[in-house]
N, C-alpha and C. Protein backbone atom coordinates (compact mmCIF):
# COMPACT_ATOMS: atom_id res chain seq x y z
N UNK A 1 -9.20 12.26 -11.23
CA UNK A 1 -9.59 11.21 -10.82
C UNK A 1 -9.94 11.27 -9.24
N UNK A 2 -10.18 10.01 -8.71
CA UNK A 2 -10.93 10.31 -7.16
C UNK A 2 -9.63 9.43 -7.06
N UNK A 3 -9.09 9.89 -5.79
CA UNK A 3 -8.28 9.30 -4.82
C UNK A 3 -8.41 7.57 -4.39
N UNK A 4 -8.02 6.43 -4.59
CA UNK A 4 -8.23 5.53 -4.39
C UNK A 4 -8.06 5.55 -2.68
N UNK A 5 -9.52 4.83 -2.43
CA UNK A 5 -9.34 4.10 -0.81
C UNK A 5 -8.74 2.89 -0.43
N UNK A 6 -7.37 2.86 0.43
CA UNK A 6 -6.42 1.85 0.70
C UNK A 6 -6.85 1.14 1.94
N UNK A 7 -7.71 -0.11 1.64
CA UNK A 7 -7.63 -1.05 3.38
C UNK A 7 -6.38 -1.61 3.20
N UNK A 8 -5.98 -1.17 4.86
CA UNK A 8 -4.47 -1.65 4.98
C UNK A 8 -4.74 -2.51 6.25
N UNK A 9 -4.23 -3.37 6.80
CA UNK A 9 -4.51 -4.04 8.27
C UNK A 9 -3.42 -3.86 9.21
N UNK A 10 -3.54 -3.86 10.57
CA UNK A 10 -2.34 -4.10 11.24
C UNK A 10 -1.82 -5.34 11.31
N UNK A 11 -2.14 -6.67 10.82
CA UNK A 11 -1.64 -7.73 11.18
C UNK A 11 -2.87 -8.20 10.01
N UNK A 12 -2.29 -9.72 9.61
CA UNK A 12 -3.22 -10.73 8.88
C UNK A 12 -4.22 -10.97 9.60
N UNK A 13 -5.40 -11.08 8.90
CA UNK A 13 -6.53 -11.80 9.89
C UNK A 13 -7.16 -10.84 10.62
N UNK A 14 -7.37 -9.67 10.35
CA UNK A 14 -7.61 -8.41 11.38
C UNK A 14 -9.25 -8.35 10.62
N UNK A 15 -9.58 -8.75 9.56
CA UNK A 15 -10.92 -8.24 9.11
C UNK A 15 -10.86 -7.17 7.94
N UNK A 16 -9.84 -7.11 7.18
CA UNK A 16 -9.21 -5.79 5.86
C UNK A 16 -10.56 -6.40 4.78
N UNK A 17 -10.46 -7.67 4.85
CA UNK A 17 -11.70 -7.89 3.49
C UNK A 17 -12.87 -7.94 3.67
N UNK A 18 -13.40 -7.88 4.94
CA UNK A 18 -14.71 -7.99 5.31
C UNK A 18 -15.26 -5.97 5.36
N UNK A 19 -14.28 -5.68 5.69
CA UNK A 19 -14.17 -3.81 5.64
C UNK A 19 -14.30 -3.70 4.10
N UNK A 20 -13.47 -4.17 3.43
CA UNK A 20 -13.39 -3.53 2.27
C UNK A 20 -14.61 -4.37 1.46
N UNK A 21 -15.72 -5.08 1.66
CA UNK A 21 -16.87 -5.42 0.94
C UNK A 21 -17.81 -4.65 1.51
N UNK A 22 -17.59 -4.36 3.04
CA UNK A 22 -18.59 -3.21 3.30
C UNK A 22 -18.47 -1.98 2.51
N UNK A 23 -17.17 -1.23 2.33
CA UNK A 23 -17.11 -0.14 1.73
C UNK A 23 -17.47 -0.17 0.46
N UNK A 24 -17.11 -1.21 -0.46
CA UNK A 24 -17.80 -1.44 -1.70
C UNK A 24 -19.40 -1.17 -1.60
N UNK A 25 -19.73 -1.97 -1.07
CA UNK A 25 -21.27 -2.10 -0.92
C UNK A 25 -22.08 -0.58 -0.63
N UNK A 26 -21.10 -0.15 0.36
CA UNK A 26 -21.84 1.38 1.08
C UNK A 26 -21.33 2.55 0.00
N UNK A 27 -20.12 2.37 -0.34
CA UNK A 27 -19.85 3.30 -1.64
C UNK A 27 -20.02 2.84 -3.16
N UNK A 28 -20.87 2.22 -3.37
CA UNK A 28 -20.81 1.28 -4.64
C UNK A 28 -19.40 1.64 -5.26
N UNK A 29 -18.24 1.28 -5.01
CA UNK A 29 -17.22 1.16 -5.45
C UNK A 29 -16.41 0.22 -6.23
N UNK A 30 -15.77 0.11 -7.20
CA UNK A 30 -14.59 -0.76 -7.41
C UNK A 30 -13.80 -1.71 -6.54
N UNK A 31 -13.26 -2.74 -6.52
CA UNK A 31 -12.58 -3.24 -5.54
C UNK A 31 -11.03 -4.13 -6.50
N UNK A 32 -10.01 -3.86 -6.03
CA UNK A 32 -9.13 -4.45 -6.68
C UNK A 32 -7.67 -4.70 -5.56
N UNK A 33 -7.41 -5.79 -5.41
CA UNK A 33 -6.66 -6.71 -4.70
C UNK A 33 -5.41 -6.62 -5.66
N UNK A 34 -4.21 -5.96 -5.79
CA UNK A 34 -2.99 -6.14 -6.18
C UNK A 34 -2.53 -7.38 -6.41
N UNK A 35 -1.93 -8.20 -5.13
CA UNK A 35 -1.62 -9.42 -5.27
C UNK A 35 -2.61 -10.48 -4.27
N UNK A 36 -2.86 -11.19 -5.16
CA UNK A 36 -3.84 -12.55 -4.23
C UNK A 36 -2.56 -13.68 -4.23
N UNK A 37 -2.51 -14.58 -2.96
CA UNK A 37 -1.68 -15.13 -2.35
C UNK A 37 -2.27 -16.41 -1.97
N UNK A 38 -2.87 -17.09 -2.28
CA UNK A 38 -3.65 -18.48 -2.08
C UNK A 38 -4.92 -18.70 -2.96
N UNK A 39 -4.94 -19.90 -3.78
CA UNK A 39 -6.14 -20.03 -4.64
C UNK A 39 -7.04 -20.86 -4.39
N UNK A 40 -6.74 -21.84 -3.47
CA UNK A 40 -7.51 -22.93 -3.16
C UNK A 40 -8.93 -22.81 -2.52
N UNK A 41 -8.66 -21.82 -1.58
CA UNK A 41 -9.84 -21.49 -0.97
C UNK A 41 -10.80 -20.19 -1.14
N UNK A 42 -11.64 -20.02 -1.18
CA UNK A 42 -12.31 -18.49 -1.74
C UNK A 42 -11.36 -17.10 -1.36
N UNK A 43 -10.98 -16.86 -2.62
CA UNK A 43 -9.94 -15.65 -2.52
C UNK A 43 -10.81 -14.60 -1.89
N UNK A 44 -9.89 -13.55 -1.61
CA UNK A 44 -10.40 -12.22 -1.28
C UNK A 44 -11.25 -11.13 -1.83
N UNK A 45 -11.13 -11.63 -3.02
CA UNK A 45 -11.75 -10.96 -4.62
C UNK A 45 -13.44 -11.54 -4.46
N UNK A 46 -13.21 -12.81 -4.06
CA UNK A 46 -14.37 -13.31 -4.59
C UNK A 46 -15.14 -13.38 -3.21
N UNK A 47 -14.91 -13.29 -2.13
CA UNK A 47 -15.56 -12.72 -0.64
C UNK A 47 -16.31 -11.40 -1.09
N UNK A 48 -15.41 -10.61 -1.44
CA UNK A 48 -15.79 -9.12 -1.55
C UNK A 48 -17.04 -9.09 -2.69
N UNK A 49 -16.73 -10.21 -3.58
CA UNK A 49 -17.98 -10.18 -4.51
C UNK A 49 -19.34 -10.75 -4.14
N UNK A 50 -19.18 -11.61 -3.13
CA UNK A 50 -20.04 -12.24 -2.36
C UNK A 50 -20.83 -11.16 -0.94
N UNK A 51 -20.06 -10.50 -0.61
CA UNK A 51 -20.64 -9.80 0.44
C UNK A 51 -20.82 -8.41 0.35
N UNK A 52 -20.66 -7.51 -1.20
CA UNK A 52 -20.81 -6.36 -1.32
C UNK A 52 -22.38 -5.99 -1.14
N UNK A 53 -22.79 -6.86 -2.01
CA UNK A 53 -24.25 -6.39 -2.37
C UNK A 53 -24.94 -5.32 -3.23
N UNK A 54 -23.73 -5.09 -4.15
CA UNK A 54 -24.02 -4.42 -5.22
C UNK A 54 -25.00 -5.13 -6.89
N UNK A 55 -25.24 -4.08 -7.39
CA UNK A 55 -26.07 -4.80 -8.63
C UNK A 55 -25.14 -4.71 -9.74
N UNK A 56 -23.83 -4.67 -9.64
CA UNK A 56 -22.66 -4.74 -10.91
C UNK A 56 -21.64 -5.48 -10.04
N UNK A 57 -20.59 -6.25 -10.67
CA UNK A 57 -19.58 -7.08 -10.71
C UNK A 57 -18.26 -5.66 -10.26
N UNK A 58 -18.17 -5.65 -9.06
CA UNK A 58 -16.93 -4.29 -8.62
C UNK A 58 -15.62 -4.82 -8.62
N UNK A 59 -15.53 -6.34 -8.88
CA UNK A 59 -14.38 -7.04 -8.73
C UNK A 59 -13.18 -6.57 -9.81
N UNK A 60 -12.07 -6.09 -9.88
CA UNK A 60 -10.80 -5.84 -10.78
C UNK A 60 -10.04 -6.86 -10.81
N UNK A 61 -9.61 -7.56 -12.01
CA UNK A 61 -8.60 -8.73 -12.03
C UNK A 61 -7.11 -8.17 -11.11
N UNK A 62 -6.35 -8.89 -10.33
CA UNK A 62 -5.57 -9.07 -9.58
C UNK A 62 -4.35 -8.92 -10.91
N UNK A 63 -3.38 -8.18 -10.19
CA UNK A 63 -1.92 -8.28 -10.95
C UNK A 63 -1.42 -9.42 -11.07
N UNK A 64 -1.52 -9.92 -9.53
CA UNK A 64 -0.57 -11.29 -9.51
C UNK A 64 -1.50 -12.02 -8.97
N UNK A 65 -1.98 -13.42 -9.43
CA UNK A 65 -2.57 -14.79 -8.72
C UNK A 65 -1.68 -15.57 -8.69
N UNK A 66 -1.34 -15.98 -7.13
CA UNK A 66 -0.09 -16.91 -6.60
C UNK A 66 -0.98 -17.83 -5.96
N UNK A 67 -0.04 -18.83 -5.98
CA UNK A 67 -1.11 -20.31 -5.79
C UNK A 67 -0.88 -20.46 -4.15
N UNK A 68 0.22 -20.18 -3.29
CA UNK A 68 0.30 -20.42 -1.92
C UNK A 68 -0.22 -19.40 -1.35
N UNK A 69 -1.01 -19.93 -0.33
CA UNK A 69 -1.28 -18.87 0.82
C UNK A 69 -0.07 -18.37 1.75
N UNK A 70 0.62 -17.68 1.67
CA UNK A 70 1.60 -17.27 2.31
C UNK A 70 2.41 -15.77 2.29
N UNK A 71 3.34 -15.35 2.37
CA UNK A 71 3.71 -14.18 2.13
C UNK A 71 4.01 -13.54 0.73
N UNK A 72 3.65 -12.61 0.10
CA UNK A 72 3.29 -12.62 -1.47
C UNK A 72 5.13 -12.89 -2.16
N UNK A 73 5.82 -12.39 -1.26
CA UNK A 73 7.42 -12.68 -1.88
C UNK A 73 7.64 -14.08 -2.17
N UNK A 74 7.27 -14.86 -0.57
CA UNK A 74 7.47 -16.36 -0.90
C UNK A 74 6.45 -16.93 -1.91
N UNK A 75 5.39 -16.30 -1.81
CA UNK A 75 4.34 -17.29 -3.00
C UNK A 75 4.94 -16.85 -4.09
N UNK A 76 5.48 -15.73 -4.47
CA UNK A 76 5.95 -15.72 -5.94
C UNK A 76 7.46 -16.21 -6.15
N UNK A 77 8.01 -16.55 -4.94
CA UNK A 77 9.52 -17.22 -5.36
C UNK A 77 8.90 -18.77 -5.56
N UNK A 78 7.67 -19.56 -4.99
CA UNK A 78 7.30 -20.72 -5.31
C UNK A 78 6.56 -21.11 -6.59
N UNK A 79 5.81 -19.62 -7.23
CA UNK A 79 5.45 -19.72 -8.50
C UNK A 79 6.57 -19.51 -9.66
N UNK A 80 7.55 -19.20 -8.98
CA UNK A 80 8.80 -18.97 -10.17
C UNK A 80 8.71 -17.54 -10.54
N UNK A 81 8.02 -16.54 -10.08
CA UNK A 81 7.77 -15.27 -10.77
C UNK A 81 8.57 -14.34 -9.62
N UNK A 82 8.58 -13.21 -10.33
CA UNK A 82 9.33 -12.04 -9.53
C UNK A 82 7.94 -10.89 -9.70
N UNK A 83 7.88 -10.14 -8.50
CA UNK A 83 6.44 -9.38 -8.21
C UNK A 83 7.20 -8.03 -8.59
N UNK A 84 6.80 -7.55 -9.98
CA UNK A 84 7.31 -5.88 -10.88
C UNK A 84 6.34 -5.27 -10.34
N UNK A 85 7.01 -3.97 -9.38
CA UNK A 85 6.19 -3.08 -8.74
C UNK A 85 5.55 -2.01 -10.33
N UNK A 86 5.94 -2.29 -11.08
CA UNK A 86 5.47 -1.36 -12.20
C UNK A 86 4.41 -2.18 -12.69
N UNK A 87 4.02 -3.02 -12.12
CA UNK A 87 2.86 -4.07 -12.41
C UNK A 87 1.67 -3.44 -11.88
N UNK A 88 2.16 -3.00 -10.42
CA UNK A 88 1.14 -2.43 -9.71
C UNK A 88 0.74 -1.28 -9.51
N UNK A 89 -0.30 -1.03 -10.63
CA UNK A 89 -0.68 0.75 -10.99
C UNK A 89 -2.23 0.33 -10.87
N UNK A 90 -2.88 1.27 -10.01
CA UNK A 90 -4.38 0.84 -9.76
C UNK A 90 -4.76 1.03 -11.15
N UNK A 91 -6.14 0.24 -11.14
CA UNK A 91 -6.82 0.48 -12.69
C UNK A 91 -7.83 1.89 -12.47
N UNK A 92 -7.91 2.48 -13.67
CA UNK A 92 -8.64 3.48 -13.96
C UNK A 92 -9.95 3.03 -13.97
N UNK A 93 -10.73 3.58 -13.31
CA UNK A 93 -12.16 3.26 -13.09
C UNK A 93 -13.32 4.74 -12.70
N UNK A 94 -14.46 4.64 -13.24
CA UNK A 94 -15.16 5.84 -13.05
C UNK A 94 -15.79 5.59 -11.55
N UNK A 95 -15.51 6.66 -10.78
CA UNK A 95 -16.01 6.53 -9.45
C UNK A 95 -14.81 5.73 -8.63
N UNK A 96 -15.37 5.71 -7.65
CA UNK A 96 -14.52 5.45 -6.35
C UNK A 96 -13.72 3.83 -7.07
N UNK A 97 -12.58 3.59 -5.99
CA UNK A 97 -11.93 2.29 -6.23
C UNK A 97 -11.36 2.23 -4.68
N UNK A 98 -11.70 0.91 -4.02
CA UNK A 98 -11.03 0.33 -2.81
C UNK A 98 -10.18 -0.64 -3.11
N UNK A 99 -9.12 -0.14 -2.46
CA UNK A 99 -7.71 -1.52 -2.76
C UNK A 99 -7.76 -1.99 -1.65
N UNK A 100 -7.17 -3.31 -1.38
CA UNK A 100 -7.16 -4.11 -0.17
C UNK A 100 -5.40 -4.25 -0.40
N UNK A 101 -5.13 -4.62 0.31
CA UNK A 101 -3.55 -4.96 0.69
C UNK A 101 -3.57 -6.08 1.41
N UNK A 102 -2.39 -6.91 1.66
CA UNK A 102 -2.29 -8.00 2.26
C UNK A 102 -1.51 -8.07 3.50
N UNK A 103 -1.96 -8.57 4.71
CA UNK A 103 -1.19 -8.68 5.61
C UNK A 103 -1.10 -7.17 6.31
N UNK A 104 0.05 -6.98 6.80
CA UNK A 104 0.43 -5.67 7.15
C UNK A 104 0.88 -4.87 6.37
N UNK A 105 1.37 -3.66 6.52
CA UNK A 105 1.63 -2.70 5.90
C UNK A 105 3.01 -2.92 5.06
N UNK A 106 3.99 -3.48 6.20
CA UNK A 106 5.59 -4.23 5.88
C UNK A 106 5.35 -4.92 5.14
N UNK A 107 4.23 -5.97 4.86
CA UNK A 107 4.67 -7.32 4.37
C UNK A 107 5.23 -7.27 3.10
N UNK A 108 6.03 -8.25 2.79
CA UNK A 108 7.21 -7.73 1.59
C UNK A 108 6.53 -8.61 0.64
N UNK A 109 6.42 -7.80 -1.00
CA UNK A 109 6.44 -8.32 -2.43
C UNK A 109 7.57 -8.93 -2.72
N UNK A 110 8.63 -8.47 -2.31
CA UNK A 110 10.04 -9.05 -2.69
C UNK A 110 11.44 -8.60 -1.30
N UNK A 111 12.26 -9.40 -1.84
CA UNK A 111 13.02 -8.82 -0.44
C UNK A 111 13.47 -7.66 -0.22
N UNK A 112 13.62 -6.78 -1.68
CA UNK A 112 13.71 -5.46 -1.54
C UNK A 112 12.47 -4.45 -1.38
N UNK A 113 11.41 -4.86 -1.25
CA UNK A 113 10.46 -4.17 -1.28
C UNK A 113 8.80 -4.65 -0.71
N UNK A 114 8.80 -3.28 0.47
CA UNK A 114 7.35 -3.90 1.15
C UNK A 114 6.12 -3.00 0.52
N UNK A 115 4.73 -3.45 0.79
CA UNK A 115 3.74 -3.00 0.58
C UNK A 115 3.43 -1.63 0.57
N UNK A 116 4.10 -1.00 1.71
CA UNK A 116 3.79 0.27 2.09
C UNK A 116 4.67 1.12 0.91
N UNK A 117 5.61 0.76 0.53
CA UNK A 117 6.49 1.49 -0.15
C UNK A 117 5.51 1.48 -1.86
N UNK A 118 4.97 0.63 -2.27
CA UNK A 118 3.91 0.94 -3.27
C UNK A 118 3.01 1.53 -3.14
N UNK A 119 2.20 1.52 -1.60
CA UNK A 119 1.23 2.23 -1.51
C UNK A 119 1.62 3.92 -1.74
N UNK A 120 2.82 4.14 -1.32
CA UNK A 120 3.18 5.33 -1.23
C UNK A 120 3.32 6.00 -2.72
N UNK A 121 3.41 5.34 -4.08
CA UNK A 121 3.01 5.84 -5.26
C UNK A 121 1.97 5.92 -5.59
N UNK A 122 0.69 5.44 -4.95
CA UNK A 122 -0.71 6.01 -5.30
C UNK A 122 -1.34 6.90 -5.00
N UNK A 123 -0.92 7.56 -4.17
CA UNK A 123 -1.19 8.75 -3.20
C UNK A 123 -2.82 8.28 -2.65
N UNK A 124 -3.18 7.38 -2.18
CA UNK A 124 -4.15 6.83 -1.50
C UNK A 124 -4.55 7.81 -0.30
N UNK A 125 -6.10 7.42 0.18
CA UNK A 125 -6.16 7.51 1.63
C UNK A 125 -6.40 6.28 2.12
N UNK A 126 -5.71 5.88 3.53
CA UNK A 126 -5.73 4.51 4.11
C UNK A 126 -6.69 4.41 5.33
N UNK A 127 -7.55 3.56 4.91
CA UNK A 127 -8.16 3.19 6.31
C UNK A 127 -7.51 1.89 6.96
N UNK A 128 -7.31 2.32 8.08
CA UNK A 128 -6.75 0.88 8.78
C UNK A 128 -7.29 0.25 9.29
N UNK A 129 -7.43 -0.94 9.43
CA UNK A 129 -8.18 -1.70 9.93
C UNK A 129 -7.60 -2.47 11.25
N UNK A 130 -8.11 -2.19 12.77
CA UNK A 130 -7.34 -2.47 13.46
C UNK A 130 -8.59 -3.92 14.27
N UNK A 131 -7.71 -4.80 14.78
CA UNK A 131 -8.34 -5.54 16.00
C UNK A 131 -8.49 -5.14 17.11
N UNK A 132 -9.38 -5.65 18.20
CA UNK A 132 -9.44 -5.30 19.60
C UNK A 132 -8.52 -6.60 20.07
N UNK A 133 -8.29 -7.42 20.06
CA UNK A 133 -7.47 -8.30 20.94
C UNK A 133 -6.00 -7.39 21.13
N UNK A 134 -5.53 -8.27 22.24
CA UNK A 134 -4.43 -7.79 23.15
C UNK A 134 -2.97 -7.30 21.79
N UNK A 135 -2.58 -6.26 22.39
CA UNK A 135 -1.50 -5.87 21.40
C UNK A 135 -1.96 -4.94 20.16
N UNK A 136 -3.11 -4.71 20.20
CA UNK A 136 -3.75 -3.84 19.12
C UNK A 136 -2.93 -2.16 19.45
N UNK A 137 -2.90 -1.85 20.22
CA UNK A 137 -2.34 -0.60 20.52
C UNK A 137 -1.10 -0.30 19.94
N UNK A 138 -0.23 -1.49 20.04
CA UNK A 138 1.25 -1.13 19.40
C UNK A 138 1.37 -1.34 18.01
N UNK A 139 0.37 -2.46 17.63
CA UNK A 139 0.03 -2.82 16.14
C UNK A 139 -0.30 -1.65 14.93
N UNK A 140 -1.15 -1.03 15.83
CA UNK A 140 -1.54 0.01 15.13
C UNK A 140 -0.99 1.02 15.06
N UNK A 141 -0.21 1.69 16.46
CA UNK A 141 0.38 2.84 16.11
C UNK A 141 1.55 2.73 15.11
N UNK A 142 2.04 1.51 15.17
CA UNK A 142 3.02 1.12 14.33
C UNK A 142 2.80 1.19 12.72
N UNK A 143 1.36 0.50 12.28
CA UNK A 143 1.02 0.90 11.24
C UNK A 143 1.10 2.26 10.71
N UNK A 144 0.57 3.01 11.54
CA UNK A 144 0.01 4.26 11.11
C UNK A 144 1.54 5.12 11.04
N UNK A 145 2.51 4.67 11.89
CA UNK A 145 3.65 5.42 11.86
C UNK A 145 4.62 5.05 10.54
N UNK A 146 4.23 3.85 10.19
CA UNK A 146 4.61 3.11 8.72
C UNK A 146 4.39 3.97 7.54
N UNK A 147 2.87 4.14 7.76
CA UNK A 147 2.47 4.88 6.31
C UNK A 147 2.71 6.19 6.43
N UNK A 148 2.91 6.89 7.71
CA UNK A 148 3.16 8.36 7.66
C UNK A 148 4.49 8.64 7.44
N UNK A 149 5.41 7.56 7.54
CA UNK A 149 7.05 7.82 6.94
C UNK A 149 6.98 8.01 5.52
N UNK A 150 6.10 7.19 4.68
CA UNK A 150 5.97 6.91 3.47
C UNK A 150 5.27 8.20 2.77
N UNK A 151 4.49 9.05 3.74
CA UNK A 151 3.83 10.19 3.22
C UNK A 151 2.24 9.77 2.64
N UNK A 152 1.70 8.67 3.43
CA UNK A 152 0.47 8.33 3.27
C UNK A 152 -0.60 8.82 4.03
N UNK A 153 -1.72 9.71 3.21
CA UNK A 153 -2.51 10.02 4.37
C UNK A 153 -3.71 9.08 5.00
N UNK A 154 -3.86 9.32 6.36
CA UNK A 154 -4.49 8.53 6.90
C UNK A 154 -5.90 8.85 6.74
N UNK A 155 -6.90 8.30 6.52
CA UNK A 155 -8.34 8.88 6.38
C UNK A 155 -8.81 8.46 7.66
N UNK A 156 -8.56 7.47 8.25
CA UNK A 156 -9.11 7.07 9.50
C UNK A 156 -9.15 5.31 10.03
N UNK A 157 -9.44 4.90 11.32
CA UNK A 157 -9.20 3.65 11.82
C UNK A 157 -10.07 3.22 11.97
N UNK A 158 -10.83 1.93 11.23
CA UNK A 158 -12.26 1.32 11.61
C UNK A 158 -11.76 -0.09 12.31
N UNK A 159 -12.42 -0.28 13.44
CA UNK A 159 -12.28 -1.17 14.62
C UNK A 159 -12.94 -2.62 14.11
N UNK A 160 -12.23 -3.80 13.75
CA UNK A 160 -13.00 -4.94 13.56
C UNK A 160 -13.06 -5.64 15.16
N UNK A 161 -14.47 -6.08 15.42
CA UNK A 161 -14.53 -7.33 16.50
C UNK A 161 -15.31 -6.41 17.71
N UNK A 162 -15.37 -7.12 19.30
CA UNK A 162 -15.55 -6.69 20.02
C UNK A 162 -15.31 -5.13 20.93
N UNK A 163 -16.29 -4.52 21.35
CA UNK A 163 -16.15 -3.36 21.72
C UNK A 163 -14.72 -3.63 22.63
N UNK A 164 -13.62 -2.53 22.81
CA UNK A 164 -12.67 -2.54 23.79
C UNK A 164 -12.53 -1.18 23.92
N UNK A 165 -13.22 -0.33 24.57
CA UNK A 165 -12.89 1.05 24.59
C UNK A 165 -11.52 1.63 25.15
N UNK A 166 -10.80 1.18 25.87
CA UNK A 166 -9.48 1.25 26.16
C UNK A 166 -8.89 1.62 25.01
N UNK A 167 -8.39 0.59 24.58
CA UNK A 167 -7.70 0.48 23.24
C UNK A 167 -8.39 1.37 22.05
N UNK A 168 -9.37 1.28 21.95
CA UNK A 168 -9.95 2.26 20.66
C UNK A 168 -9.49 3.80 21.27
N UNK A 169 -9.74 4.24 22.38
CA UNK A 169 -9.37 5.62 23.05
C UNK A 169 -7.98 5.84 22.84
N UNK A 170 -7.15 4.64 23.18
CA UNK A 170 -5.78 4.93 23.33
C UNK A 170 -5.11 5.16 21.36
N UNK A 171 -5.56 4.49 20.61
CA UNK A 171 -5.43 4.71 19.44
C UNK A 171 -5.79 5.58 18.73
N UNK A 172 -6.72 6.26 19.11
CA UNK A 172 -7.23 7.68 18.49
C UNK A 172 -7.02 8.55 19.00
N UNK A 173 -6.28 8.60 20.41
CA UNK A 173 -5.22 9.89 20.80
C UNK A 173 -3.93 9.99 20.57
N UNK A 174 -3.32 8.67 20.79
CA UNK A 174 -1.84 8.25 20.74
C UNK A 174 -1.58 8.14 19.13
N UNK A 175 -2.62 7.78 17.97
CA UNK A 175 -2.22 7.79 16.58
C UNK A 175 -2.38 9.16 15.93
N UNK A 176 -3.30 9.91 16.64
CA UNK A 176 -3.93 11.15 16.51
C UNK A 176 -4.42 11.09 14.72
N UNK A 177 -5.53 9.93 14.88
CA UNK A 177 -6.48 9.36 13.80
C UNK A 177 -7.99 9.53 14.25
N UNK A 178 -8.81 9.46 13.61
CA UNK A 178 -10.24 9.76 13.42
C UNK A 178 -10.41 8.16 13.44
N UNK A 179 -11.28 8.06 14.20
CA UNK A 179 -11.95 6.36 14.33
C UNK A 179 -13.58 6.50 13.63
N UNK A 180 -13.47 5.65 12.47
CA UNK A 180 -14.23 5.72 11.50
C UNK A 180 -15.75 4.95 12.15
N UNK A 181 -15.52 4.04 13.16
CA UNK A 181 -16.69 3.07 13.59
C UNK A 181 -15.92 1.77 13.80
N UNK A 182 -16.69 0.67 14.15
CA UNK A 182 -16.48 -0.49 14.68
C UNK A 182 -17.39 -1.43 14.02
N UNK A 183 -16.66 -2.65 13.52
CA UNK A 183 -17.87 -3.66 12.89
C UNK A 183 -17.57 -4.65 13.99
N UNK A 184 -18.57 -5.03 14.62
CA UNK A 184 -18.95 -6.02 15.32
C UNK A 184 -18.90 -7.31 14.84
N UNK A 185 -18.08 -8.37 15.39
CA UNK A 185 -18.53 -9.83 14.91
C UNK A 185 -19.99 -9.92 14.37
N UNK A 186 -20.37 -10.28 13.09
CA UNK A 186 -21.77 -10.45 12.44
C UNK A 186 -21.78 -12.22 12.39
N UNK A 187 -23.21 -12.65 12.66
CA UNK A 187 -23.25 -14.12 12.64
C UNK A 187 -24.84 -14.02 11.99
N UNK A 188 -25.45 -14.58 11.29
CA UNK A 188 -24.43 -15.14 10.09
C UNK A 188 -24.24 -14.04 9.15
N UNK A 189 -23.00 -14.19 8.54
CA UNK A 189 -22.22 -13.08 7.70
C UNK A 189 -22.86 -12.98 6.01
N UNK A 190 -23.41 -12.35 5.90
CA UNK A 190 -23.73 -12.43 4.36
C UNK A 190 -23.81 -10.91 3.74
N UNK A 191 -24.34 -10.57 2.56
CA UNK A 191 -24.28 -9.49 2.12
C UNK A 191 -25.44 -8.06 2.89
N UNK A 192 -26.26 -9.22 3.22
CA UNK A 192 -27.48 -8.35 3.85
C UNK A 192 -27.12 -7.99 5.43
N UNK A 193 -26.28 -8.45 5.78
CA UNK A 193 -26.23 -8.40 7.60
C UNK A 193 -24.94 -7.56 7.56
N UNK A 194 -24.06 -7.94 6.53
CA UNK A 194 -22.49 -7.04 6.82
C UNK A 194 -23.29 -5.57 6.19
N UNK A 195 -23.83 -5.62 5.12
CA UNK A 195 -24.34 -4.02 4.33
C UNK A 195 -24.75 -2.83 6.06
N UNK A 196 -25.85 -3.88 6.40
CA UNK A 196 -27.10 -3.35 7.41
C UNK A 196 -26.04 -2.81 8.45
N UNK A 197 -24.85 -4.03 8.79
CA UNK A 197 -24.14 -3.09 10.08
C UNK A 197 -23.01 -2.27 9.45
N UNK A 198 -22.54 -2.12 8.62
CA UNK A 198 -21.83 -1.18 8.02
C UNK A 198 -22.63 0.21 8.33
N UNK A 199 -23.62 0.06 7.52
CA UNK A 199 -24.81 1.48 7.25
C UNK A 199 -25.03 1.89 8.56
N UNK A 200 -24.94 1.01 9.61
CA UNK A 200 -25.30 1.68 10.94
C UNK A 200 -23.93 2.02 11.62
N UNK A 201 -22.70 1.19 11.61
CA UNK A 201 -21.60 1.66 12.53
C UNK A 201 -20.53 2.57 12.10
N UNK A 202 -20.62 2.19 10.55
CA UNK A 202 -19.46 3.51 9.97
C UNK A 202 -19.62 4.60 9.86
N UNK A 203 -18.73 5.69 9.94
CA UNK A 203 -18.77 7.21 9.46
C UNK A 203 -18.31 7.21 8.22
N UNK A 204 -19.49 6.80 7.31
CA UNK A 204 -18.84 6.60 5.53
C UNK A 204 -19.07 8.22 5.03
N UNK A 205 -19.49 9.27 6.02
CA UNK A 205 -19.57 10.59 5.24
C UNK A 205 -17.85 11.21 5.26
N UNK A 206 -16.73 10.66 6.16
CA UNK A 206 -15.81 10.96 6.09
C UNK A 206 -14.89 10.27 4.74
N UNK A 207 -15.44 9.30 4.25
CA UNK A 207 -14.82 8.79 3.19
C UNK A 207 -15.53 8.93 1.99
N UNK A 208 -16.86 9.91 1.85
CA UNK A 208 -17.23 10.02 0.48
C UNK A 208 -16.24 11.55 -0.20
């Protein structure tokens, strides 16, 4: 089997889902979001389906769909369920699989379990999505450290946002990682504009 490609972020709201949609489109991959917290607005799976631009439905069902848009452990508590890590098993598919986490890598699924602990079970290659705002060097290095402490291989870092050469260079050198490119802000954000930007900006050969 092809090892799954794990898209994780240095924080919430850094662009993981947009990067996931870009990778699904460019790699013609399936997509899986293990735990979705928040169902009233467009979910991450629905956004990926809209932006990936492939001629098949790449989205696989979530293991958990929780009502409240908050930390998965709290959303599960509010729904009266407990997340069972044994249910978080990547689906078997023909070809590549992009898996998207939630929040940062230490986001809790339960009070005794964080996402990074589950990631380590899957033998993935991780793509870390980092923003370019103030604080990104610290957040990125902490994310890389947490993943490596659990034996998760880092495929590289995708920068999301406006160019910030000083921060990008520091993340690459201090984090000992490969920069896979930078997705700039895209407006309007459509399947066509995203996939064109991804084809131009991302080092996809490193991920194939």
